[in-house]
Amino acid sequence: MLHNAVVAWNIMHIGKLVEQLRAECHVIDATMLAQTTPLIRKHLNPFGRYHFDLDRMRQTGGSNRQQGPAKQL
Protein backbone atom coordinates (compact mmCIF):
# COMPACT_ATOMS: atom_id res chain seq x y z
CA MET A 1 0.00 0.00 0.00
CA LEU A 2 2.86 2.41 0.79
CA HIS A 3 4.37 1.77 -2.64
CA ASN A 4 1.07 2.57 -4.37
CA ALA A 5 0.73 5.83 -2.44
CA VAL A 6 4.28 6.83 -3.36
CA VAL A 7 3.71 6.06 -7.04
CA ALA A 8 0.52 8.15 -7.02
CA TRP A 9 2.34 11.03 -5.27
CA ASN A 10 5.24 10.80 -7.73
CA ILE A 11 2.88 10.83 -10.73
CA MET A 12 1.12 13.96 -9.47
CA HIS A 13 4.31 15.83 -8.70
CA ILE A 14 6.17 14.81 -11.85
CA GLY A 15 3.16 16.00 -13.86
CA LYS A 16 3.09 19.34 -12.01
CA LEU A 17 6.82 19.78 -12.51
CA VAL A 18 6.55 19.10 -16.25
CA GLU A 19 3.66 21.58 -16.52
CA GLN A 20 5.65 24.22 -14.63
CA LEU A 21 8.73 23.74 -16.79
CA ARG A 22 6.68 23.95 -19.98
CA ALA A 23 4.96 27.11 -18.68
CA GLU A 24 8.44 28.59 -18.21
CA CYS A 25 9.15 27.75 -21.90
CA HIS A 26 11.49 24.85 -21.17
CA VAL A 27 11.49 22.18 -23.84
CA ILE A 28 10.57 18.80 -22.37
CA ASP A 29 11.64 16.17 -24.86
CA ALA A 30 9.04 13.42 -25.25
CA THR A 31 11.79 10.78 -25.39
CA MET A 32 13.26 11.97 -22.11
CA LEU A 33 9.81 12.15 -20.52
CA ALA A 34 9.05 8.61 -21.69
CA GLN A 35 12.09 7.40 -19.73
CA THR A 36 10.85 9.01 -16.50
CA THR A 37 9.27 6.66 -14.00
CA PRO A 38 7.08 7.27 -10.95
CA LEU A 39 8.39 4.04 -9.43
CA ILE A 40 11.37 5.73 -7.78
CA ARG A 41 11.23 5.19 -4.03
CA LYS A 42 14.80 5.63 -2.76
CA HIS A 43 13.67 8.76 -0.93
CA LEU A 44 11.52 6.62 1.41
CA ASN A 45 12.65 5.27 4.74
CA PRO A 46 10.04 2.67 5.75
CA PHE A 47 12.28 1.19 8.46
CA GLY A 48 12.59 4.28 10.66
CA ARG A 49 16.39 4.24 10.54
CA TYR A 50 18.04 7.62 10.39
CA HIS A 51 21.68 8.55 9.99
CA PHE A 52 23.08 11.68 11.59
CA ASP A 53 26.63 12.97 11.49
CA LEU A 54 26.70 14.33 15.03
CA ASP A 55 30.22 15.70 14.67
CA ARG A 56 29.21 17.72 11.60
CA MET A 57 26.01 18.89 13.28
CA ARG A 58 27.98 20.13 16.28
CA GLN A 59 30.41 21.98 14.00
CA THR A 60 27.70 23.64 11.92
CA GLY A 61 25.23 24.23 14.73
CA GLY A 62 22.76 21.73 13.24
CA SER A 63 22.60 23.35 9.82
CA ASN A 64 21.49 21.25 6.82
CA ARG A 65 24.60 21.89 4.72
CA GLN A 66 26.03 18.70 3.18
CA GLN A 67 29.69 18.20 3.97
CA GLY A 68 30.20 14.55 3.19
CA PRO A 69 28.63 11.22 4.15
CA ALA A 70 27.02 10.82 7.53
CA LYS A 71 28.15 8.27 10.08
CA GLN A 72 25.71 5.46 10.77
CA LEU A 73 24.38 5.37 14.33
C-alpha atoms as a PDB file:
ATOM      1  CA  MET A   1       0.000   0.000   0.000  1.00  0.00           C
ATOM      2  CA  LEU A   2       2.858   2.410   0.787  1.00  0.00           C
ATOM      3  CA  HIS A   3       4.368   1.768  -2.638  1.00  0.00           C
ATOM      4  CA  ASN A   4       1.068   2.572  -4.370  1.00  0.00           C
ATOM      5  CA  ALA A   5       0.731   5.833  -2.436  1.00  0.00           C
ATOM      6  CA  VAL A   6       4.282   6.831  -3.362  1.00  0.00           C
ATOM      7  CA  VAL A   7       3.708   6.056  -7.038  1.00  0.00           C
ATOM      8  CA  ALA A   8       0.521   8.152  -7.024  1.00  0.00           C
ATOM      9  CA  TRP A   9       2.339  11.033  -5.268  1.00  0.00           C
ATOM     10  CA  ASN A  10       5.244  10.804  -7.731  1.00  0.00           C
ATOM     11  CA  ILE A  11       2.885  10.829 -10.732  1.00  0.00           C
ATOM     12  CA  MET A  12       1.119  13.956  -9.473  1.00  0.00           C
ATOM     13  CA  HIS A  13       4.313  15.828  -8.705  1.00  0.00           C
ATOM     14  CA  ILE A  14       6.169  14.805 -11.854  1.00  0.00           C
ATOM     15  CA  GLY A  15       3.157  15.997 -13.856  1.00  0.00           C
ATOM     16  CA  LYS A  16       3.094  19.336 -12.008  1.00  0.00           C
ATOM     17  CA  LEU A  17       6.817  19.776 -12.513  1.00  0.00           C
ATOM     18  CA  VAL A  18       6.546  19.100 -16.253  1.00  0.00           C
ATOM     19  CA  GLU A  19       3.656  21.580 -16.520  1.00  0.00           C
ATOM     20  CA  GLN A  20       5.650  24.222 -14.631  1.00  0.00           C
ATOM     21  CA  LEU A  21       8.733  23.736 -16.790  1.00  0.00           C
ATOM     22  CA  ARG A  22       6.684  23.954 -19.977  1.00  0.00           C
ATOM     23  CA  ALA A  23       4.955  27.106 -18.677  1.00  0.00           C
ATOM     24  CA  GLU A  24       8.442  28.586 -18.209  1.00  0.00           C
ATOM     25  CA  CYS A  25       9.146  27.753 -21.896  1.00  0.00           C
ATOM     26  CA  HIS A  26      11.490  24.854 -21.169  1.00  0.00           C
ATOM     27  CA  VAL A  27      11.494  22.184 -23.843  1.00  0.00           C
ATOM     28  CA  ILE A  28      10.569  18.799 -22.374  1.00  0.00           C
ATOM     29  CA  ASP A  29      11.637  16.173 -24.864  1.00  0.00           C
ATOM     30  CA  ALA A  30       9.036  13.415 -25.246  1.00  0.00           C
ATOM     31  CA  THR A  31      11.792  10.779 -25.393  1.00  0.00           C
ATOM     32  CA  MET A  32      13.258  11.975 -22.108  1.00  0.00           C
ATOM     33  CA  LEU A  33       9.814  12.154 -20.515  1.00  0.00           C
ATOM     34  CA  ALA A  34       9.049   8.610 -21.686  1.00  0.00           C
ATOM     35  CA  GLN A  35      12.088   7.403 -19.727  1.00  0.00           C
ATOM     36  CA  THR A  36      10.854   9.010 -16.498  1.00  0.00           C
ATOM     37  CA  THR A  37       9.272   6.658 -14.004  1.00  0.00           C
ATOM     38  CA  PRO A  38       7.085   7.270 -10.949  1.00  0.00           C
ATOM     39  CA  LEU A  39       8.393   4.038  -9.430  1.00  0.00           C
ATOM     40  CA  ILE A  40      11.371   5.735  -7.775  1.00  0.00           C
ATOM     41  CA  ARG A  41      11.234   5.194  -4.030  1.00  0.00           C
ATOM     42  CA  LYS A  42      14.799   5.635  -2.762  1.00  0.00           C
ATOM     43  CA  HIS A  43      13.668   8.759  -0.925  1.00  0.00           C
ATOM     44  CA  LEU A  44      11.524   6.622   1.407  1.00  0.00           C
ATOM     45  CA  ASN A  45      12.654   5.272   4.740  1.00  0.00           C
ATOM     46  CA  PRO A  46      10.036   2.668   5.753  1.00  0.00           C
ATOM     47  CA  PHE A  47      12.280   1.190   8.457  1.00  0.00           C
ATOM     48  CA  GLY A  48      12.594   4.278  10.655  1.00  0.00           C
ATOM     49  CA  ARG A  49      16.390   4.237  10.535  1.00  0.00           C
ATOM     50  CA  TYR A  50      18.036   7.621  10.387  1.00  0.00           C
ATOM     51  CA  HIS A  51      21.684   8.553   9.986  1.00  0.00           C
ATOM     52  CA  PHE A  52      23.080  11.681  11.590  1.00  0.00           C
ATOM     53  CA  ASP A  53      26.631  12.970  11.487  1.00  0.00           C
ATOM     54  CA  LEU A  54      26.700  14.329  15.031  1.00  0.00           C
ATOM     55  CA  ASP A  55      30.224  15.696  14.675  1.00  0.00           C
ATOM     56  CA  ARG A  56      29.213  17.716  11.602  1.00  0.00           C
ATOM     57  CA  MET A  57      26.008  18.886  13.282  1.00  0.00           C
ATOM     58  CA  ARG A  58      27.978  20.133  16.283  1.00  0.00           C
ATOM     59  CA  GLN A  59      30.413  21.981  13.997  1.00  0.00           C
ATOM     60  CA  THR A  60      27.697  23.645  11.919  1.00  0.00           C
ATOM     61  CA  GLY A  61      25.225  24.227  14.732  1.00  0.00           C
ATOM     62  CA  GLY A  62      22.765  21.730  13.239  1.00  0.00           C
ATOM     63  CA  SER A  63      22.598  23.347   9.819  1.00  0.00           C
ATOM     64  CA  ASN A  64      21.493  21.251   6.816  1.00  0.00           C
ATOM     65  CA  ARG A  65      24.596  21.892   4.716  1.00  0.00           C
ATOM     66  CA  GLN A  66      26.028  18.704   3.182  1.00  0.00           C
ATOM     67  CA  GLN A  67      29.693  18.201   3.966  1.00  0.00           C
ATOM     68  CA  GLY A  68      30.203  14.546   3.188  1.00  0.00           C
ATOM     69  CA  PRO A  69      28.625  11.224   4.147  1.00  0.00           C
ATOM     70  CA  ALA A  70      27.020  10.824   7.534  1.00  0.00           C
ATOM     71  CA  LYS A  71      28.148   8.271  10.084  1.00  0.00           C
ATOM     72  CA  GLN A  72      25.712   5.461  10.769  1.00  0.00           C
ATOM     73  CA  LEU A  73      24.375   5.372  14.330  1.00  0.00           C
END
